[in-house]
Amino acid sequence: MRVEVDTDTCQGHNRCFTIAPELFDVDDFGTAVVIGDGSVPAELEDKARLAEANCPEFAIKIIE
């Protein structure tokens, strides 16, 4: 599983960062960014799905 953030769509609510700081960070403009290459360890898959479900702009995509 991998996660991606559409930085053009992200409005900087940063719910993903709050839910899964192991997977997401925030840039200097408040936009969410993926840490590393976006690969999600098995133990963090539930957090990745929760972050996707809680994004108001649907800027987070999960690729299985």
PDB file of N, CA and C in Angstrom:
ATOM      1  N   MET A   1       0.844  -1.174   0.000  1.00  0.00           N
ATOM      2  CA  MET A   1       0.000   0.000   0.000  1.00  0.00           C
ATOM      3  C   MET A   1       0.893   1.242   0.000  1.00  0.00           C
ATOM      4  N   ARG A   2       0.411   2.261  -0.733  1.00  0.00           N
ATOM      5  CA  ARG A   2       1.084   3.558  -0.756  1.00  0.00           C
ATOM      6  C   ARG A   2       0.049   4.661  -0.563  1.00  0.00           C
ATOM      7  N   VAL A   3       0.492   5.807  -0.060  1.00  0.00           N
ATOM      8  CA  VAL A   3      -0.381   6.980   0.045  1.00  0.00           C
ATOM      9  C   VAL A   3       0.203   8.104  -0.799  1.00  0.00           C
ATOM     10  N   GLU A   4      -0.688   8.938  -1.319  1.00  0.00           N
ATOM     11  CA  GLU A   4      -0.296  10.131  -2.059  1.00  0.00           C
ATOM     12  C   GLU A   4      -1.152  11.285  -1.583  1.00  0.00           C
ATOM     13  N   VAL A   5      -0.616  12.498  -1.675  1.00  0.00           N
ATOM     14  CA  VAL A   5      -1.366  13.704  -1.357  1.00  0.00           C
ATOM     15  C   VAL A   5      -1.396  14.573  -2.613  1.00  0.00           C
ATOM     16  N   ASP A   6      -2.586  14.984  -3.014  1.00  0.00           N
ATOM     17  CA  ASP A   6      -2.731  15.930  -4.114  1.00  0.00           C
ATOM     18  C   ASP A   6      -2.548  17.318  -3.509  1.00  0.00           C
ATOM     19  N   THR A   7      -1.359  17.882  -3.656  1.00  0.00           N
ATOM     20  CA  THR A   7      -1.039  19.151  -3.010  1.00  0.00           C
ATOM     21  C   THR A   7      -1.822  20.318  -3.602  1.00  0.00           C
ATOM     22  N   ASP A   8      -2.341  20.158  -4.806  1.00  0.00           N
ATOM     23  CA  ASP A   8      -3.183  21.207  -5.395  1.00  0.00           C
ATOM     24  C   ASP A   8      -4.560  21.241  -4.745  1.00  0.00           C
ATOM     25  N   THR A   9      -5.005  20.100  -4.249  1.00  0.00           N
ATOM     26  CA  THR A   9      -6.322  19.988  -3.631  1.00  0.00           C
ATOM     27  C   THR A   9      -6.275  20.254  -2.126  1.00  0.00           C
ATOM     28  N   CYS A  10      -5.168  19.916  -1.486  1.00  0.00           N
ATOM     29  CA  CYS A  10      -5.026  20.065  -0.034  1.00  0.00           C
ATOM     30  C   CYS A  10      -5.231  21.518   0.385  1.00  0.00           C
ATOM     31  N   GLN A  11      -6.052  21.710   1.419  1.00  0.00           N
ATOM     32  CA  GLN A  11      -6.315  23.046   1.953  1.00  0.00           C
ATOM     33  C   GLN A  11      -5.631  23.290   3.290  1.00  0.00           C
ATOM     34  N   GLY A  12      -4.846  22.330   3.756  1.00  0.00           N
ATOM     35  CA  GLY A  12      -4.053  22.529   4.965  1.00  0.00           C
ATOM     36  C   GLY A  12      -4.782  22.312   6.277  1.00  0.00           C
ATOM     37  N   HIS A  13      -5.834  21.495   6.274  1.00  0.00           N
ATOM     38  CA  HIS A  13      -6.496  21.175   7.540  1.00  0.00           C
ATOM     39  C   HIS A  13      -5.605  20.304   8.417  1.00  0.00           C
ATOM     40  N   ASN A  14      -4.742  19.533   7.788  1.00  0.00           N
ATOM     41  CA  ASN A  14      -3.734  18.702   8.455  1.00  0.00           C
ATOM     42  C   ASN A  14      -4.300  17.625   9.355  1.00  0.00           C
ATOM     43  N   ARG A  15      -5.486  17.165   9.046  1.00  0.00           N
ATOM     44  CA  ARG A  15      -6.043  16.034   9.794  1.00  0.00           C
ATOM     45  C   ARG A  15      -5.191  14.791   9.586  1.00  0.00           C
ATOM     46  N   CYS A  16      -4.675  14.625   8.370  1.00  0.00           N
ATOM     47  CA  CYS A  16      -3.836  13.451   8.083  1.00  0.00           C
ATOM     48  C   CYS A  16      -2.597  13.441   8.975  1.00  0.00           C
ATOM     49  N   PHE A  17      -1.980  14.603   9.140  1.00  0.00           N
ATOM     50  CA  PHE A  17      -0.792  14.709   9.987  1.00  0.00           C
ATOM     51  C   PHE A  17      -1.130  14.413  11.439  1.00  0.00           C
ATOM     52  N   THR A  18      -2.290  14.870  11.888  1.00  0.00           N
ATOM     53  CA  THR A  18      -2.721  14.623  13.263  1.00  0.00           C
ATOM     54  C   THR A  18      -2.977  13.142  13.494  1.00  0.00           C
ATOM     55  N   ILE A  19      -3.591  12.491  12.504  1.00  0.00           N
ATOM     56  CA  ILE A  19      -3.940  11.071  12.611  1.00  0.00           C
ATOM     57  C   ILE A  19      -2.726  10.166  12.433  1.00  0.00           C
ATOM     58  N   ALA A  20      -1.873  10.500  11.465  1.00  0.00           N
ATOM     59  CA  ALA A  20      -0.755   9.602  11.121  1.00  0.00           C
ATOM     60  C   ALA A  20       0.533  10.391  10.871  1.00  0.00           C
ATOM     61  N   PRO A  21       1.126  10.938  11.931  1.00  0.00           N
ATOM     62  CA  PRO A  21       2.369  11.698  11.738  1.00  0.00           C
ATOM     63  C   PRO A  21       3.543  10.835  11.258  1.00  0.00           C
ATOM     64  N   GLU A  22       3.369   9.523  11.322  1.00  0.00           N
ATOM     65  CA  GLU A  22       4.395   8.620  10.798  1.00  0.00           C
ATOM     66  C   GLU A  22       4.389   8.606   9.268  1.00  0.00           C
ATOM     67  N   LEU A  23       3.254   9.013   8.667  1.00  0.00           N
ATOM     68  CA  LEU A  23       3.088   8.951   7.215  1.00  0.00           C
ATOM     69  C   LEU A  23       3.061  10.313   6.537  1.00  0.00           C
ATOM     70  N   PHE A  24       2.647  11.353   7.281  1.00  0.00           N
ATOM     71  CA  PHE A  24       2.454  12.680   6.692  1.00  0.00           C
ATOM     72  C   PHE A  24       3.220  13.739   7.469  1.00  0.00           C
ATOM     73  N   ASP A  25       3.602  14.781   6.739  1.00  0.00           N
ATOM     74  CA  ASP A  25       4.221  15.949   7.347  1.00  0.00           C
ATOM     75  C   ASP A  25       3.534  17.170   6.742  1.00  0.00           C
ATOM     76  N   VAL A  26       3.936  18.355   7.172  1.00  0.00           N
ATOM     77  CA  VAL A  26       3.351  19.596   6.690  1.00  0.00           C
ATOM     78  C   VAL A  26       4.488  20.482   6.192  1.00  0.00           C
ATOM     79  N   ASP A  27       4.319  21.064   4.990  1.00  0.00           N
ATOM     80  CA  ASP A  27       5.369  21.942   4.471  1.00  0.00           C
ATOM     81  C   ASP A  27       5.238  23.351   5.060  1.00  0.00           C
ATOM     82  N   ASP A  28       6.077  24.252   4.623  1.00  0.00           N
ATOM     83  CA  ASP A  28       6.103  25.616   5.163  1.00  0.00           C
ATOM     84  C   ASP A  28       4.828  26.403   4.889  1.00  0.00           C
ATOM     85  N   PHE A  29       4.014  25.933   3.945  1.00  0.00           N
ATOM     86  CA  PHE A  29       2.770  26.619   3.593  1.00  0.00           C
ATOM     87  C   PHE A  29       1.544  25.972   4.240  1.00  0.00           C
ATOM     88  N   GLY A  30       1.774  24.915   5.043  1.00  0.00           N
ATOM     89  CA  GLY A  30       0.673  24.229   5.711  1.00  0.00           C
ATOM     90  C   GLY A  30       0.055  23.116   4.902  1.00  0.00           C
ATOM     91  N   THR A  31       0.631  22.829   3.756  1.00  0.00           N
ATOM     92  CA  THR A  31       0.123  21.764   2.892  1.00  0.00           C
ATOM     93  C   THR A  31       0.699  20.425   3.332  1.00  0.00           C
ATOM     94  N   ALA A  32      -0.147  19.407   3.349  1.00  0.00           N
ATOM     95  CA  ALA A  32       0.306  18.072   3.732  1.00  0.00           C
ATOM     96  C   ALA A  32       1.215  17.487   2.649  1.00  0.00           C
ATOM     97  N   VAL A  33       2.206  16.758   3.086  1.00  0.00           N
ATOM     98  CA  VAL A  33       3.109  16.035   2.194  1.00  0.00           C
ATOM     99  C   VAL A  33       3.334  14.640   2.767  1.00  0.00           C
ATOM    100  N   VAL A  34       3.623  13.716   1.882  1.00  0.00           N
ATOM    101  CA  VAL A  34       3.885  12.336   2.288  1.00  0.00           C
ATOM    102  C   VAL A  34       5.342  12.220   2.714  1.00  0.00           C
ATOM    103  N   ILE A  35       5.589  11.483   3.761  1.00  0.00           N
ATOM    104  CA  ILE A  35       6.948  11.214   4.211  1.00  0.00           C
ATOM    105  C   ILE A  35       7.517  10.081   3.361  1.00  0.00           C
ATOM    106  N   GLY A  36       8.729  10.266   2.883  1.00  0.00           N
ATOM    107  CA  GLY A  36       9.390   9.243   2.081  1.00  0.00           C
ATOM    108  C   GLY A  36       8.711   9.036   0.746  1.00  0.00           C
ATOM    109  N   ASP A  37       8.645   7.780   0.318  1.00  0.00           N
ATOM    110  CA  ASP A  37       8.052   7.473  -0.987  1.00  0.00           C
ATOM    111  C   ASP A  37       6.570   7.127  -0.898  1.00  0.00           C
ATOM    112  N   GLY A  38       5.996   7.245   0.289  1.00  0.00           N
ATOM    113  CA  GLY A  38       4.573   6.983   0.460  1.00  0.00           C
ATOM    114  C   GLY A  38       4.235   5.542   0.807  1.00  0.00           C
ATOM    115  N   SER A  39       5.238   4.694   0.905  1.00  0.00           N
ATOM    116  CA  SER A  39       4.981   3.299   1.276  1.00  0.00           C
ATOM    117  C   SER A  39       4.458   3.240   2.706  1.00  0.00           C
ATOM    118  N   VAL A  40       3.431   2.426   2.900  1.00  0.00           N
ATOM    119  CA  VAL A  40       2.785   2.312   4.207  1.00  0.00           C
ATOM    120  C   VAL A  40       3.098   0.945   4.804  1.00  0.00           C
ATOM    121  N   PRO A  41       3.791   0.909   5.935  1.00  0.00           N
ATOM    122  CA  PRO A  41       4.028  -0.377   6.605  1.00  0.00           C
ATOM    123  C   PRO A  41       2.693  -0.998   7.028  1.00  0.00           C
ATOM    124  N   ALA A  42       2.651  -2.293   7.083  1.00  0.00           N
ATOM    125  CA  ALA A  42       1.410  -3.012   7.400  1.00  0.00           C
ATOM    126  C   ALA A  42       0.771  -2.527   8.695  1.00  0.00           C
ATOM    127  N   GLU A  43       1.582  -2.205   9.690  1.00  0.00           N
ATOM    128  CA  GLU A  43       1.034  -1.786  10.985  1.00  0.00           C
ATOM    129  C   GLU A  43       0.420  -0.382  10.951  1.00  0.00           C
ATOM    130  N   LEU A  44       0.632   0.373   9.862  1.00  0.00           N
ATOM    131  CA  LEU A  44       0.069   1.716   9.736  1.00  0.00           C
ATOM    132  C   LEU A  44      -1.045   1.820   8.697  1.00  0.00           C
ATOM    133  N   GLU A  45      -1.443   0.691   8.122  1.00  0.00           N
ATOM    134  CA  GLU A  45      -2.477   0.717   7.086  1.00  0.00           C
ATOM    135  C   GLU A  45      -3.805   1.270   7.599  1.00  0.00           C
ATOM    136  N   ASP A  46      -4.193   0.928   8.812  1.00  0.00           N
ATOM    137  CA  ASP A  46      -5.444   1.454   9.367  1.00  0.00           C
ATOM    138  C   ASP A  46      -5.375   2.966   9.531  1.00  0.00           C
ATOM    139  N   LYS A  47      -4.225   3.478   9.964  1.00  0.00           N
ATOM    140  CA  LYS A  47      -4.063   4.925  10.105  1.00  0.00           C
ATOM    141  C   LYS A  47      -4.127   5.616   8.742  1.00  0.00           C
ATOM    142  N   ALA A  48      -3.553   5.001   7.723  1.00  0.00           N
ATOM    143  CA  ALA A  48      -3.601   5.577   6.375  1.00  0.00           C
ATOM    144  C   ALA A  48      -5.042   5.664   5.884  1.00  0.00           C
ATOM    145  N   ARG A  49      -5.810   4.619   6.101  1.00  0.00           N
ATOM    146  CA  ARG A  49      -7.220   4.620   5.689  1.00  0.00           C
ATOM    147  C   ARG A  49      -8.028   5.658   6.475  1.00  0.00           C
ATOM    148  N   LEU A  50      -7.741   5.794   7.753  1.00  0.00           N
ATOM    149  CA  LEU A  50      -8.424   6.782   8.579  1.00  0.00           C
ATOM    150  C   LEU A  50      -8.082   8.208   8.117  1.00  0.00           C
ATOM    151  N   ALA A  51      -6.829   8.440   7.782  1.00  0.00           N
ATOM    152  CA  ALA A  51      -6.417   9.752   7.275  1.00  0.00           C
ATOM    153  C   ALA A  51      -7.134  10.062   5.962  1.00  0.00           C
ATOM    154  N   GLU A  52      -7.218   9.088   5.072  1.00  0.00           N
ATOM    155  CA  GLU A  52      -7.927   9.278   3.801  1.00  0.00           C
ATOM    156  C   GLU A  52      -9.397   9.606   4.059  1.00  0.00           C
ATOM    157  N   ALA A  53     -10.024   8.885   4.944  1.00  0.00           N
ATOM    158  CA  ALA A  53     -11.453   9.083   5.229  1.00  0.00           C
ATOM    159  C   ALA A  53     -11.739  10.427   5.891  1.00  0.00           C
ATOM    160  N   ASN A  54     -10.752  10.995   6.575  1.00  0.00           N
ATOM    161  CA  ASN A  54     -10.958  12.246   7.307  1.00  0.00           C
ATOM    162  C   ASN A  54     -10.503  13.489   6.550  1.00  0.00           C
ATOM    163  N   CYS A  55     -10.047  13.339   5.325  1.00  0.00           N
ATOM    164  CA  CYS A  55      -9.611  14.500   4.544  1.00  0.00           C
ATOM    165  C   CYS A  55     -10.830  15.184   3.928  1.00  0.00           C
ATOM    166  N   PRO A  56     -11.128  16.428   4.330  1.00  0.00           N
ATOM    167  CA  PRO A  56     -12.320  17.117   3.821  1.00  0.00           C
ATOM    168  C   PRO A  56     -12.281  17.373   2.312  1.00  0.00           C
ATOM    169  N   GLU A  57     -11.089  17.470   1.740  1.00  0.00           N
ATOM    170  CA  GLU A  57     -10.970  17.752   0.303  1.00  0.00           C
ATOM    171  C   GLU A  57     -10.700  16.496  -0.530  1.00  0.00           C
ATOM    172  N   PHE A  58     -10.629  15.346   0.115  1.00  0.00           N
ATOM    173  CA  PHE A  58     -10.317  14.083  -0.577  1.00  0.00           C
ATOM    174  C   PHE A  58      -8.979  14.186  -1.316  1.00  0.00           C
ATOM    175  N   ALA A  59      -8.008  14.833  -0.673  1.00  0.00           N
ATOM    176  CA  ALA A  59      -6.693  15.028  -1.275  1.00  0.00           C
ATOM    177  C   ALA A  59      -5.759  13.830  -1.077  1.00  0.00           C
ATOM    178  N   ILE A  60      -6.153  12.907  -0.210  1.00  0.00           N
ATOM    179  CA  ILE A  60      -5.320  11.735   0.063  1.00  0.00           C
ATOM    180  C   ILE A  60      -5.850  10.555  -0.743  1.00  0.00           C
ATOM    181  N   LYS A  61      -4.938   9.897  -1.433  1.00  0.00           N
ATOM    182  CA  LYS A  61      -5.276   8.717  -2.221  1.00  0.00           C
ATOM    183  C   LYS A  61      -4.460   7.536  -1.719  1.00  0.00           C
ATOM    184  N   ILE A  62      -5.137   6.408  -1.600  1.00  0.00           N
ATOM    185  CA  ILE A  62      -4.457   5.157  -1.237  1.00  0.00           C
ATOM    186  C   ILE A  62      -4.367   4.304  -2.489  1.00  0.00           C
ATOM    187  N   ILE A  63      -3.174   3.791  -2.740  1.00  0.00           N
ATOM    188  CA  ILE A  63      -2.935   2.901  -3.866  1.00  0.00           C
ATOM    189  C   ILE A  63      -2.589   1.537  -3.301  1.00  0.00           C
ATOM    190  N   GLU A  64      -3.440   0.571  -3.594  1.00  0.00           N
ATOM    191  CA  GLU A  64      -3.240  -0.786  -3.063  1.00  0.00           C
ATOM    192  C   GLU A  64      -2.240  -1.547  -3.909  1.00  0.00           C
TER     193      GLU A  64
END
